[in-house]
């Protein structure tokens, strides 16, 4: 009788699509892919892969997966327990280093930002921004930026604008600091990089992989460690961040610690639970950028609007959104057309 019930349970599980574990792996290295974003066929956010490239999905359903280092992929989860992804081909702009370091490092990035509220895409933003970094102090100065923003027409979300503003997320602003994630990790006394992994004390909190054939280093890390969440309250609203993952890709320079000057691309993902006594919202925010131009210079000369617009046209074609995202944009409202930040 017990065996009959067990077999019946398995049969019903296949009919109802009980979630089961699936692993995303690199097609070349066969290693797990950490922090890949998975959405369903309708573009609703499902989640991200864990340290071992795993995520729970339901069999017989279509999914879309994306990652800053890999080509996006559509697949139907069948009996296979592994999905293979192909690395992106990305060329770093040349950088001429002179005997005497110039005063500023000037770079431009093409960025993309997406936010989901209760798994529904709330907005999509992409654009171009430039930065000037003092080569002595490493102080970062924001240059000009140009961007486009699309927002959902879902009234359940758009009518709650004030609540979303309270969260403190600044959409459309790529994140660059004085030091690379690699440098920050090495300076943290509680963290270390060893054997292809990032450790917080004795706990695995990330991966660090070197790809000599692609001449790059990929570092992914849990930025919440040693805590598992961050919590703050404001005006009766409670906000809890339970996920903050960062991935940075650097050009490989042997025997040199990757700095911001080696940075090729970066992505950050955050999960918030935002609530008061009347409602609870789950919010997922993901931003990424690609370094598209870079140089050392002795002066700060901001790029004019027309040049930035030309850059946007050029790099939005070079780094297009995946097909599923494009189809969702068709049903969204464009609220900003080439706004300057």
C-alpha atoms as a PDB file:
ATOM      1  CA  UNK A   1       0.000   0.000   0.000  1.00  0.00           C
ATOM      2  CA  UNK A   2       2.808   2.395   0.882  1.00  0.00           C
ATOM      3  CA  UNK A   3       4.575   1.627  -2.407  1.00  0.00           C
ATOM      4  CA  UNK A   4       1.338   2.327  -4.308  1.00  0.00           C
ATOM      5  CA  UNK A   5       0.946   5.698  -2.588  1.00  0.00           C
ATOM      6  CA  UNK A   6       4.582   6.591  -3.317  1.00  0.00           C
ATOM      7  CA  UNK A   7       4.225   5.733  -7.025  1.00  0.00           C
ATOM      8  CA  UNK A   8       0.954   7.664  -7.203  1.00  0.00           C
ATOM      9  CA  UNK A   9       2.650  10.693  -5.601  1.00  0.00           C
ATOM     10  CA  UNK A  10       5.426  10.631  -8.203  1.00  0.00           C
ATOM     11  CA  UNK A  11       2.888  10.329 -11.020  1.00  0.00           C
ATOM     12  CA  UNK A  12       0.850  13.270  -9.760  1.00  0.00           C
ATOM     13  CA  UNK A  13       4.055  15.234  -9.272  1.00  0.00           C
ATOM     14  CA  UNK A  14       4.775  14.968 -12.988  1.00  0.00           C
ATOM     15  CA  UNK A  15       1.250  16.065 -13.841  1.00  0.00           C
ATOM     16  CA  UNK A  16       1.239  19.089 -11.574  1.00  0.00           C
ATOM     17  CA  UNK A  17       4.826  20.172 -12.272  1.00  0.00           C
ATOM     18  CA  UNK A  18       6.392  19.916  -8.831  1.00  0.00           C
ATOM     19  CA  UNK A  19       9.550  22.054  -8.689  1.00  0.00           C
ATOM     20  CA  UNK A  20      12.787  20.098  -9.020  1.00  0.00           C
ATOM     21  CA  UNK A  21      16.440  21.027  -9.031  1.00  0.00           C
ATOM     22  CA  UNK A  22      18.227  21.945 -12.271  1.00  0.00           C
ATOM     23  CA  UNK A  23      21.842  23.017 -12.790  1.00  0.00           C
ATOM     24  CA  UNK A  24      23.197  25.643 -15.205  1.00  0.00           C
ATOM     25  CA  UNK A  25      26.719  24.962 -16.461  1.00  0.00           C
ATOM     26  CA  UNK A  26      29.370  26.590 -18.656  1.00  0.00           C
ATOM     27  CA  UNK A  27      29.602  24.892 -22.078  1.00  0.00           C
ATOM     28  CA  UNK A  28      33.419  25.149 -22.114  1.00  0.00           C
ATOM     29  CA  UNK A  29      34.555  24.630 -18.535  1.00  0.00           C
ATOM     30  CA  UNK A  30      31.558  22.547 -17.367  1.00  0.00           C
ATOM     31  CA  UNK A  31      31.553  24.574 -14.139  1.00  0.00           C
ATOM     32  CA  UNK A  32      28.311  25.758 -12.433  1.00  0.00           C
ATOM     33  CA  UNK A  33      26.998  29.229 -13.292  1.00  0.00           C
ATOM     34  CA  UNK A  34      26.369  31.342 -10.195  1.00  0.00           C
ATOM     35  CA  UNK A  35      23.761  34.135 -10.072  1.00  0.00           C
ATOM     36  CA  UNK A  36      22.078  33.574 -13.448  1.00  0.00           C
ATOM     37  CA  UNK A  37      18.628  35.191 -13.734  1.00  0.00           C
ATOM     38  CA  UNK A  38      15.695  32.937 -14.635  1.00  0.00           C
ATOM     39  CA  UNK A  39      12.253  34.115 -15.835  1.00  0.00           C
ATOM     40  CA  UNK A  40       9.250  32.162 -17.052  1.00  0.00           C
ATOM     41  CA  UNK A  41       7.782  32.271 -20.571  1.00  0.00           C
ATOM     42  CA  UNK A  42       5.724  35.373 -19.682  1.00  0.00           C
ATOM     43  CA  UNK A  43       8.769  37.258 -18.418  1.00  0.00           C
ATOM     44  CA  UNK A  44       7.884  36.893 -14.726  1.00  0.00           C
ATOM     45  CA  UNK A  45      10.925  36.733 -12.496  1.00  0.00           C
ATOM     46  CA  UNK A  46      11.578  33.277 -10.994  1.00  0.00           C
ATOM     47  CA  UNK A  47      14.907  33.609  -9.209  1.00  0.00           C
ATOM     48  CA  UNK A  48      18.684  33.199  -9.515  1.00  0.00           C
ATOM     49  CA  UNK A  49      20.978  30.211  -9.431  1.00  0.00           C
ATOM     50  CA  UNK A  50      22.854  29.513  -6.207  1.00  0.00           C
ATOM     51  CA  UNK A  51      26.586  28.956  -5.625  1.00  0.00           C
ATOM     52  CA  UNK A  52      26.434  25.567  -7.345  1.00  0.00           C
ATOM     53  CA  UNK A  53      24.415  26.788 -10.331  1.00  0.00           C
ATOM     54  CA  UNK A  54      21.189  25.250  -9.030  1.00  0.00           C
ATOM     55  CA  UNK A  55      17.613  26.511  -9.105  1.00  0.00           C
ATOM     56  CA  UNK A  56      14.222  24.843  -8.580  1.00  0.00           C
ATOM     57  CA  UNK A  57      12.054  24.786 -11.726  1.00  0.00           C
ATOM     58  CA  UNK A  58       8.913  22.944 -12.813  1.00  0.00           C
ATOM     59  CA  UNK A  59       9.142  20.333 -15.536  1.00  0.00           C
ATOM     60  CA  UNK A  60       7.363  20.841 -18.828  1.00  0.00           C
ATOM     61  CA  UNK A  61       7.531  24.645 -18.663  1.00  0.00           C
ATOM     62  CA  UNK A  62       9.475  27.164 -20.755  1.00  0.00           C
ATOM     63  CA  UNK A  63      12.084  29.444 -19.175  1.00  0.00           C
ATOM     64  CA  UNK A  64      14.502  32.201 -20.125  1.00  0.00           C
ATOM     65  CA  UNK A  65      17.898  32.480 -18.459  1.00  0.00           C
ATOM     66  CA  UNK A  66      20.421  35.332 -18.669  1.00  0.00           C
ATOM     67  CA  UNK A  67      23.817  36.202 -17.195  1.00  0.00           C
ATOM     68  CA  UNK A  68      26.265  38.999 -17.897  1.00  0.00           C
ATOM     69  CA  UNK A  69      28.931  36.477 -19.008  1.00  0.00           C
ATOM     70  CA  UNK A  70      26.719  34.216 -21.130  1.00  0.00           C
ATOM     71  CA  UNK A  71      24.449  34.308 -24.138  1.00  0.00           C
ATOM     72  CA  UNK A  72      20.781  34.343 -23.021  1.00  0.00           C
ATOM     73  CA  UNK A  73      18.952  31.090 -23.551  1.00  0.00           C
ATOM     74  CA  UNK A  74      15.396  29.808 -23.856  1.00  0.00           C
ATOM     75  CA  UNK A  75      14.682  26.231 -22.827  1.00  0.00           C
ATOM     76  CA  UNK A  76      11.934  23.874 -21.743  1.00  0.00           C
ATOM     77  CA  UNK A  77      12.728  21.955 -18.590  1.00  0.00           C
ATOM     78  CA  UNK A  78      12.241  18.278 -19.425  1.00  0.00           C
ATOM     79  CA  UNK A  79      13.930  15.199 -17.955  1.00  0.00           C
ATOM     80  CA  UNK A  80      17.419  16.706 -18.226  1.00  0.00           C
ATOM     81  CA  UNK A  81      18.831  18.128 -14.997  1.00  0.00           C
ATOM     82  CA  UNK A  82      21.437  20.376 -16.634  1.00  0.00           C
ATOM     83  CA  UNK A  83      21.215  23.368 -18.974  1.00  0.00           C
ATOM     84  CA  UNK A  84      24.390  24.399 -20.801  1.00  0.00           C
ATOM     85  CA  UNK A  85      25.104  28.066 -21.565  1.00  0.00           C
ATOM     86  CA  UNK A  86      27.635  29.519 -24.010  1.00  0.00           C
ATOM     87  CA  UNK A  87      30.034  32.294 -22.894  1.00  0.00           C
ATOM     88  CA  UNK A  88      29.624  35.697 -24.510  1.00  0.00           C
ATOM     89  CA  UNK A  89      32.290  36.961 -26.868  1.00  0.00           C
ATOM     90  CA  UNK A  90      33.365  40.369 -25.612  1.00  0.00           C
ATOM     91  CA  UNK A  91      36.363  42.463 -26.665  1.00  0.00           C
ATOM     92  CA  UNK A  92      37.853  45.001 -24.261  1.00  0.00           C
ATOM     93  CA  UNK A  93      38.713  48.402 -25.789  1.00  0.00           C
ATOM     94  CA  UNK A  94      42.464  48.974 -26.083  1.00  0.00           C
ATOM     95  CA  UNK A  95      44.072  51.049 -23.349  1.00  0.00           C
ATOM     96  CA  UNK A  96      47.433  52.723 -23.917  1.00  0.00           C
ATOM     97  CA  UNK A  97      49.488  53.012 -20.711  1.00  0.00           C
ATOM     98  CA  UNK A  98      52.223  55.626 -20.847  1.00  0.00           C
ATOM     99  CA  UNK A  99      55.363  55.799 -18.681  1.00  0.00           C
ATOM    100  CA  UNK A 100      53.808  58.655 -16.725  1.00  0.00           C
ATOM    101  CA  UNK A 101      50.301  57.939 -15.522  1.00  0.00           C
ATOM    102  CA  UNK A 102      47.882  60.646 -16.583  1.00  0.00           C
ATOM    103  CA  UNK A 103      45.592  62.414 -14.147  1.00  0.00           C
ATOM    104  CA  UNK A 104      42.289  60.700 -14.968  1.00  0.00           C
ATOM    105  CA  UNK A 105      40.981  57.395 -16.161  1.00  0.00           C
ATOM    106  CA  UNK A 106      38.004  58.114 -18.408  1.00  0.00           C
ATOM    107  CA  UNK A 107      35.560  55.343 -19.308  1.00  0.00           C
ATOM    108  CA  UNK A 108      32.117  55.023 -20.845  1.00  0.00           C
ATOM    109  CA  UNK A 109      29.717  52.227 -20.022  1.00  0.00           C
ATOM    110  CA  UNK A 110      26.560  50.957 -21.641  1.00  0.00           C
ATOM    111  CA  UNK A 111      24.181  49.997 -18.834  1.00  0.00           C
ATOM    112  CA  UNK A 112      20.889  48.190 -18.410  1.00  0.00           C
ATOM    113  CA  UNK A 113      18.618  48.147 -15.342  1.00  0.00           C
ATOM    114  CA  UNK A 114      15.495  46.053 -14.691  1.00  0.00           C
ATOM    115  CA  UNK A 115      13.205  45.962 -11.673  1.00  0.00           C
ATOM    116  CA  UNK A 116      10.510  43.396 -10.876  1.00  0.00           C
ATOM    117  CA  UNK A 117       7.709  43.940  -8.363  1.00  0.00           C
ATOM    118  CA  UNK A 118       6.046  40.692  -7.247  1.00  0.00           C
ATOM    119  CA  UNK A 119       7.753  38.994 -10.232  1.00  0.00           C
ATOM    120  CA  UNK A 120       6.225  41.478 -12.733  1.00  0.00           C
ATOM    121  CA  UNK A 121       8.620  43.749 -14.628  1.00  0.00           C
ATOM    122  CA  UNK A 122       8.039  47.278 -13.334  1.00  0.00           C
ATOM    123  CA  UNK A 123      10.567  49.140 -15.453  1.00  0.00           C
ATOM    124  CA  UNK A 124      13.408  48.709 -17.906  1.00  0.00           C
ATOM    125  CA  UNK A 125      16.175  51.285 -18.391  1.00  0.00           C
ATOM    126  CA  UNK A 126      19.262  51.357 -20.602  1.00  0.00           C
ATOM    127  CA  UNK A 127      21.722  54.065 -21.529  1.00  0.00           C
ATOM    128  CA  UNK A 128      25.300  55.325 -21.658  1.00  0.00           C
ATOM    129  CA  UNK A 129      27.221  56.989 -18.813  1.00  0.00           C
ATOM    130  CA  UNK A 130      30.792  58.236 -18.511  1.00  0.00           C
ATOM    131  CA  UNK A 131      33.098  58.344 -15.475  1.00  0.00           C
ATOM    132  CA  UNK A 132      36.329  60.147 -14.610  1.00  0.00           C
ATOM    133  CA  UNK A 133      38.505  58.491 -11.955  1.00  0.00           C
ATOM    134  CA  UNK A 134      41.426  60.347 -10.372  1.00  0.00           C
ATOM    135  CA  UNK A 135      44.423  58.031 -10.816  1.00  0.00           C
ATOM    136  CA  UNK A 136      45.985  59.164  -7.501  1.00  0.00           C
ATOM    137  CA  UNK A 137      43.049  59.363  -5.100  1.00  0.00           C
ATOM    138  CA  UNK A 138      40.782  56.975  -7.026  1.00  0.00           C
ATOM    139  CA  UNK A 139      37.936  59.430  -6.442  1.00  0.00           C
ATOM    140  CA  UNK A 140      35.124  58.808  -8.918  1.00  0.00           C
ATOM    141  CA  UNK A 141      33.438  61.701 -10.692  1.00  0.00           C
ATOM    142  CA  UNK A 142      30.292  61.079 -12.714  1.00  0.00           C
ATOM    143  CA  UNK A 143      30.268  62.506 -16.207  1.00  0.00           C
ATOM    144  CA  UNK A 144      27.322  62.883 -18.551  1.00  0.00           C
ATOM    145  CA  UNK A 145      24.704  60.216 -19.160  1.00  0.00           C
ATOM    146  CA  UNK A 146      21.827  59.535 -21.492  1.00  0.00           C
ATOM    147  CA  UNK A 147      19.100  56.976 -20.962  1.00  0.00           C
ATOM    148  CA  UNK A 148      15.698  55.635 -21.953  1.00  0.00           C
ATOM    149  CA  UNK A 149      13.117  54.317 -19.511  1.00  0.00           C
ATOM    150  CA  UNK A 150      10.121  52.039 -20.031  1.00  0.00           C
ATOM    151  CA  UNK A 151       7.532  51.419 -17.315  1.00  0.00           C
ATOM    152  CA  UNK A 152       4.763  48.847 -16.994  1.00  0.00           C
ATOM    153  CA  UNK A 153       1.154  49.860 -17.585  1.00  0.00           C
ATOM    154  CA  UNK A 154       0.040  47.511 -14.786  1.00  0.00           C
ATOM    155  CA  UNK A 155      -2.086  49.808 -12.570  1.00  0.00           C
ATOM    156  CA  UNK A 156      -1.481  47.706  -9.464  1.00  0.00           C
ATOM    157  CA  UNK A 157       2.144  48.824  -9.680  1.00  0.00           C
ATOM    158  CA  UNK A 158       2.044  52.258 -11.344  1.00  0.00           C
ATOM    159  CA  UNK A 159      -0.483  53.634  -8.857  1.00  0.00           C
ATOM    160  CA  UNK A 160       1.914  52.916  -5.997  1.00  0.00           C
ATOM    161  CA  UNK A 161       4.791  55.142  -7.122  1.00  0.00           C
ATOM    162  CA  UNK A 162       5.309  56.808  -3.734  1.00  0.00           C
ATOM    163  CA  UNK A 163       5.764  53.480  -2.036  1.00  0.00           C
ATOM    164  CA  UNK A 164       8.447  52.427  -4.510  1.00  0.00           C
ATOM    165  CA  UNK A 165      10.316  55.726  -4.100  1.00  0.00           C
ATOM    166  CA  UNK A 166      10.572  54.974  -0.390  1.00  0.00           C
ATOM    167  CA  UNK A 167      12.752  51.964  -1.108  1.00  0.00           C
ATOM    168  CA  UNK A 168      15.664  54.177  -2.072  1.00  0.00           C
ATOM    169  CA  UNK A 169      16.630  52.355  -5.277  1.00  0.00           C
ATOM    170  CA  UNK A 170      18.115  54.731  -7.846  1.00  0.00           C
ATOM    171  CA  UNK A 171      17.172  53.305 -11.241  1.00  0.00           C
ATOM    172  CA  UNK A 172      19.366  53.713 -14.257  1.00  0.00           C
ATOM    173  CA  UNK A 173      22.589  54.585 -12.445  1.00  0.00           C
ATOM    174  CA  UNK A 174      25.449  52.108 -13.003  1.00  0.00           C
ATOM    175  CA  UNK A 175      27.613  51.433  -9.973  1.00  0.00           C
ATOM    176  CA  UNK A 176      31.350  52.236 -10.043  1.00  0.00           C
ATOM    177  CA  UNK A 177      33.572  52.729  -6.994  1.00  0.00           C
ATOM    178  CA  UNK A 178      37.231  53.407  -6.285  1.00  0.00           C
ATOM    179  CA  UNK A 179      38.162  49.769  -6.002  1.00  0.00           C
ATOM    180  CA  UNK A 180      37.225  46.650  -7.908  1.00  0.00           C
ATOM    181  CA  UNK A 181      35.280  43.881  -6.211  1.00  0.00           C
ATOM    182  CA  UNK A 182      38.504  41.844  -6.359  1.00  0.00           C
ATOM    183  CA  UNK A 183      40.449  44.506  -4.428  1.00  0.00           C
ATOM    184  CA  UNK A 184      37.623  44.895  -1.875  1.00  0.00           C
ATOM    185  CA  UNK A 185      37.577  41.138  -1.303  1.00  0.00           C
ATOM    186  CA  UNK A 186      41.326  40.942  -0.701  1.00  0.00           C
ATOM    187  CA  UNK A 187      41.217  43.832   1.793  1.00  0.00           C
ATOM    188  CA  UNK A 188      38.401  42.290   3.827  1.00  0.00           C
ATOM    189  CA  UNK A 189      39.979  40.351   6.708  1.00  0.00           C
ATOM    190  CA  UNK A 190      37.075  37.902   6.764  1.00  0.00           C
ATOM    191  CA  UNK A 191      37.281  37.015   3.075  1.00  0.00           C
ATOM    192  CA  UNK A 192      39.791  35.205   0.885  1.00  0.00           C
ATOM    193  CA  UNK A 193      40.070  33.864  -2.675  1.00  0.00           C
ATOM    194  CA  UNK A 194      41.280  30.284  -2.897  1.00  0.00           C
ATOM    195  CA  UNK A 195      40.954  27.409  -5.357  1.00  0.00           C
ATOM    196  CA  UNK A 196      38.400  29.097  -7.584  1.00  0.00           C
ATOM    197  CA  UNK A 197      36.121  30.090  -4.697  1.00  0.00           C
ATOM    198  CA  UNK A 198      35.550  33.133  -2.495  1.00  0.00           C
ATOM    199  CA  UNK A 199      35.330  32.343   1.214  1.00  0.00           C
ATOM    200  CA  UNK A 200      33.875  34.343   4.075  1.00  0.00           C
ATOM    201  CA  UNK A 201      35.682  32.801   7.027  1.00  0.00           C
ATOM    202  CA  UNK A 202      35.101  29.099   6.230  1.00  0.00           C
ATOM    203  CA  UNK A 203      31.897  29.604   4.184  1.00  0.00           C
ATOM    204  CA  UNK A 204      31.786  29.655   0.369  1.00  0.00           C
ATOM    205  CA  UNK A 205      30.231  32.979  -0.642  1.00  0.00           C
ATOM    206  CA  UNK A 206      31.294  33.237  -4.269  1.00  0.00           C
ATOM    207  CA  UNK A 207      33.377  32.022  -7.191  1.00  0.00           C
ATOM    208  CA  UNK A 208      36.540  33.321  -8.854  1.00  0.00           C
ATOM    209  CA  UNK A 209      37.426  31.769 -12.186  1.00  0.00           C
ATOM    210  CA  UNK A 210      40.296  32.493 -14.578  1.00  0.00           C
ATOM    211  CA  UNK A 211      39.760  31.928 -18.324  1.00  0.00           C
ATOM    212  CA  UNK A 212      43.174  32.231 -20.071  1.00  0.00           C
ATOM    213  CA  UNK A 213      41.591  31.460 -23.473  1.00  0.00           C
ATOM    214  CA  UNK A 214      39.254  34.450 -23.123  1.00  0.00           C
ATOM    215  CA  UNK A 215      41.897  36.462 -21.239  1.00  0.00           C
ATOM    216  CA  UNK A 216      39.568  37.328 -18.398  1.00  0.00           C
ATOM    217  CA  UNK A 217      38.788  36.785 -14.720  1.00  0.00           C
ATOM    218  CA  UNK A 218      35.219  36.437 -13.425  1.00  0.00           C
ATOM    219  CA  UNK A 219      34.498  37.125  -9.747  1.00  0.00           C
ATOM    220  CA  UNK A 220      31.020  36.647  -8.190  1.00  0.00           C
ATOM    221  CA  UNK A 221      30.335  37.261  -4.516  1.00  0.00           C
ATOM    222  CA  UNK A 222      27.584  37.518  -1.873  1.00  0.00           C
ATOM    223  CA  UNK A 223      27.864  41.103  -0.618  1.00  0.00           C
ATOM    224  CA  UNK A 224      25.656  40.562   2.439  1.00  0.00           C
ATOM    225  CA  UNK A 225      28.195  38.351   4.205  1.00  0.00           C
ATOM    226  CA  UNK A 226      28.739  38.023   7.197  1.00  0.00           C
ATOM    227  CA  UNK A 227      25.054  38.898   7.658  1.00  0.00           C
ATOM    228  CA  UNK A 228      22.224  37.153   5.845  1.00  0.00           C
ATOM    229  CA  UNK A 229      20.107  40.299   5.472  1.00  0.00           C
ATOM    230  CA  UNK A 230      19.974  44.053   5.992  1.00  0.00           C
ATOM    231  CA  UNK A 231      16.963  45.699   7.579  1.00  0.00           C
ATOM    232  CA  UNK A 232      15.812  49.293   8.031  1.00  0.00           C
ATOM    233  CA  UNK A 233      12.592  51.123   8.877  1.00  0.00           C
ATOM    234  CA  UNK A 234      11.412  54.527   7.670  1.00  0.00           C
ATOM    235  CA  UNK A 235       8.100  56.322   8.234  1.00  0.00           C
ATOM    236  CA  UNK A 236       6.288  53.112   9.065  1.00  0.00           C
ATOM    237  CA  UNK A 237       7.679  51.186   6.111  1.00  0.00           C
ATOM    238  CA  UNK A 238       9.938  48.170   6.640  1.00  0.00           C
ATOM    239  CA  UNK A 239      12.549  47.148   4.089  1.00  0.00           C
ATOM    240  CA  UNK A 240      14.612  43.971   4.259  1.00  0.00           C
ATOM    241  CA  UNK A 241      17.369  43.166   1.759  1.00  0.00           C
ATOM    242  CA  UNK A 242      17.875  39.395   1.623  1.00  0.00           C
ATOM    243  CA  UNK A 243      20.068  39.227  -1.484  1.00  0.00           C
ATOM    244  CA  UNK A 244      22.931  41.310  -2.821  1.00  0.00           C
ATOM    245  CA  UNK A 245      25.113  39.547  -5.378  1.00  0.00           C
ATOM    246  CA  UNK A 246      27.866  41.121  -7.443  1.00  0.00           C
ATOM    247  CA  UNK A 247      29.727  39.870 -10.500  1.00  0.00           C
ATOM    248  CA  UNK A 248      32.652  41.630 -12.151  1.00  0.00           C
ATOM    249  CA  UNK A 249      34.625  40.607 -15.224  1.00  0.00           C
ATOM    250  CA  UNK A 250      38.217  41.796 -15.684  1.00  0.00           C
ATOM    251  CA  UNK A 251      40.737  41.637 -18.498  1.00  0.00           C
ATOM    252  CA  UNK A 252      43.456  39.154 -17.539  1.00  0.00           C
ATOM    253  CA  UNK A 253      46.789  40.793 -16.778  1.00  0.00           C
ATOM    254  CA  UNK A 254      49.240  38.238 -15.400  1.00  0.00           C
ATOM    255  CA  UNK A 255      50.675  38.899 -11.925  1.00  0.00           C
ATOM    256  CA  UNK A 256      48.507  41.998 -11.504  1.00  0.00           C
ATOM    257  CA  UNK A 257      45.537  42.260  -9.129  1.00  0.00           C
ATOM    258  CA  UNK A 258      42.472  43.288 -11.185  1.00  0.00           C
ATOM    259  CA  UNK A 259      41.632  46.934 -10.544  1.00  0.00           C
ATOM    260  CA  UNK A 260      38.925  49.210 -11.887  1.00  0.00           C
ATOM    261  CA  UNK A 261      41.234  49.839 -14.859  1.00  0.00           C
ATOM    262  CA  UNK A 262      40.879  46.141 -15.798  1.00  0.00           C
ATOM    263  CA  UNK A 263      37.091  46.137 -15.395  1.00  0.00           C
ATOM    264  CA  UNK A 264      35.252  44.869 -18.492  1.00  0.00           C
ATOM    265  CA  UNK A 265      31.711  44.484 -17.178  1.00  0.00           C
ATOM    266  CA  UNK A 266      29.747  44.220 -13.937  1.00  0.00           C
ATOM    267  CA  UNK A 267      26.326  43.233 -12.637  1.00  0.00           C
ATOM    268  CA  UNK A 268      24.538  43.553  -9.306  1.00  0.00           C
ATOM    269  CA  UNK A 269      21.318  41.921  -8.170  1.00  0.00           C
ATOM    270  CA  UNK A 270      19.294  42.712  -5.064  1.00  0.00           C
ATOM    271  CA  UNK A 271      16.144  41.285  -3.503  1.00  0.00           C
ATOM    272  CA  UNK A 272      14.006  43.403  -1.143  1.00  0.00           C
ATOM    273  CA  UNK A 273      10.877  42.720   0.853  1.00  0.00           C
ATOM    274  CA  UNK A 274       9.088  46.048   1.280  1.00  0.00           C
ATOM    275  CA  UNK A 275       6.067  46.258   3.589  1.00  0.00           C
ATOM    276  CA  UNK A 276       3.869  48.061   6.070  1.00  0.00           C
ATOM    277  CA  UNK A 277       0.748  46.905   7.913  1.00  0.00           C
ATOM    278  CA  UNK A 278      -1.336  46.987   4.716  1.00  0.00           C
ATOM    279  CA  UNK A 279       0.824  45.260   2.073  1.00  0.00           C
ATOM    280  CA  UNK A 280       3.967  43.267   1.306  1.00  0.00           C
ATOM    281  CA  UNK A 281       5.952  43.618  -1.925  1.00  0.00           C
ATOM    282  CA  UNK A 282       8.842  41.496  -3.187  1.00  0.00           C
ATOM    283  CA  UNK A 283      11.193  43.587  -5.291  1.00  0.00           C
ATOM    284  CA  UNK A 284      14.081  42.343  -7.438  1.00  0.00           C
ATOM    285  CA  UNK A 285      16.485  44.810  -8.973  1.00  0.00           C
ATOM    286  CA  UNK A 286      19.258  43.946 -11.427  1.00  0.00           C
ATOM    287  CA  UNK A 287      21.692  46.302 -13.116  1.00  0.00           C
ATOM    288  CA  UNK A 288      24.653  45.627 -15.374  1.00  0.00           C
ATOM    289  CA  UNK A 289      27.085  47.540 -17.520  1.00  0.00           C
ATOM    290  CA  UNK A 290      29.760  46.964 -20.155  1.00  0.00           C
ATOM    291  CA  UNK A 291      32.850  49.157 -20.486  1.00  0.00           C
ATOM    292  CA  UNK A 292      32.685  50.317 -24.100  1.00  0.00           C
ATOM    293  CA  UNK A 293      35.338  53.070 -24.202  1.00  0.00           C
ATOM    294  CA  UNK A 294      38.317  53.871 -21.969  1.00  0.00           C
ATOM    295  CA  UNK A 295      41.396  56.059 -21.950  1.00  0.00           C
ATOM    296  CA  UNK A 296      43.813  57.924 -19.668  1.00  0.00           C
ATOM    297  CA  UNK A 297      43.611  61.703 -19.926  1.00  0.00           C
ATOM    298  CA  UNK A 298      44.907  64.823 -18.171  1.00  0.00           C
ATOM    299  CA  UNK A 299      41.642  66.767 -18.274  1.00  0.00           C
ATOM    300  CA  UNK A 300      37.930  66.302 -17.705  1.00  0.00           C
ATOM    301  CA  UNK A 301      36.105  66.961 -20.940  1.00  0.00           C
ATOM    302  CA  UNK A 302      32.468  65.907 -20.819  1.00  0.00           C
ATOM    303  CA  UNK A 303      31.002  64.295 -23.898  1.00  0.00           C
ATOM    304  CA  UNK A 304      28.305  66.476 -25.530  1.00  0.00           C
ATOM    305  CA  UNK A 305      24.696  65.333 -25.757  1.00  0.00           C
ATOM    306  CA  UNK A 306      24.818  64.519 -29.468  1.00  0.00           C
ATOM    307  CA  UNK A 307      27.879  62.306 -29.015  1.00  0.00           C
ATOM    308  CA  UNK A 308      26.200  60.479 -26.119  1.00  0.00           C
ATOM    309  CA  UNK A 309      23.116  59.904 -28.265  1.00  0.00           C
ATOM    310  CA  UNK A 310      25.261  58.485 -31.054  1.00  0.00           C
ATOM    311  CA  UNK A 311      26.987  56.255 -28.504  1.00  0.00           C
ATOM    312  CA  UNK A 312      23.618  55.001 -27.314  1.00  0.00           C
ATOM    313  CA  UNK A 313      22.542  54.101 -30.848  1.00  0.00           C
ATOM    314  CA  UNK A 314      25.834  52.290 -31.426  1.00  0.00           C
ATOM    315  CA  UNK A 315      26.124  50.338 -28.181  1.00  0.00           C
ATOM    316  CA  UNK A 316      22.456  49.436 -27.774  1.00  0.00           C
ATOM    317  CA  UNK A 317      22.861  47.503 -31.029  1.00  0.00           C
ATOM    318  CA  UNK A 318      26.138  46.003 -29.865  1.00  0.00           C
ATOM    319  CA  UNK A 319      24.627  44.845 -26.530  1.00  0.00           C
ATOM    320  CA  UNK A 320      20.953  44.183 -27.281  1.00  0.00           C
ATOM    321  CA  UNK A 321      18.432  42.905 -24.737  1.00  0.00           C
ATOM    322  CA  UNK A 322      17.325  39.322 -25.228  1.00  0.00           C
ATOM    323  CA  UNK A 323      14.282  38.582 -27.356  1.00  0.00           C
ATOM    324  CA  UNK A 324      11.956  37.995 -24.426  1.00  0.00           C
ATOM    325  CA  UNK A 325      12.791  41.362 -22.861  1.00  0.00           C
ATOM    326  CA  UNK A 326      12.217  43.096 -26.184  1.00  0.00           C
ATOM    327  CA  UNK A 327       8.777  41.511 -26.519  1.00  0.00           C
ATOM    328  CA  UNK A 328       7.848  42.760 -23.042  1.00  0.00           C
ATOM    329  CA  UNK A 329       9.010  46.285 -23.864  1.00  0.00           C
ATOM    330  CA  UNK A 330       6.451  46.378 -26.670  1.00  0.00           C
ATOM    331  CA  UNK A 331       3.716  46.346 -24.030  1.00  0.00           C
ATOM    332  CA  UNK A 332       5.311  48.959 -21.762  1.00  0.00           C
ATOM    333  CA  UNK A 333       5.060  52.742 -21.732  1.00  0.00           C
ATOM    334  CA  UNK A 334       8.149  54.800 -22.565  1.00  0.00           C
ATOM    335  CA  UNK A 335       8.254  57.469 -19.863  1.00  0.00           C
ATOM    336  CA  UNK A 336      11.657  58.992 -20.648  1.00  0.00           C
ATOM    337  CA  UNK A 337      13.103  59.396 -24.108  1.00  0.00           C
ATOM    338  CA  UNK A 338      16.830  60.225 -23.970  1.00  0.00           C
ATOM    339  CA  UNK A 339      16.763  61.934 -20.593  1.00  0.00           C
ATOM    340  CA  UNK A 340      20.024  63.316 -19.255  1.00  0.00           C
ATOM    341  CA  UNK A 341      21.044  62.225 -15.747  1.00  0.00           C
END
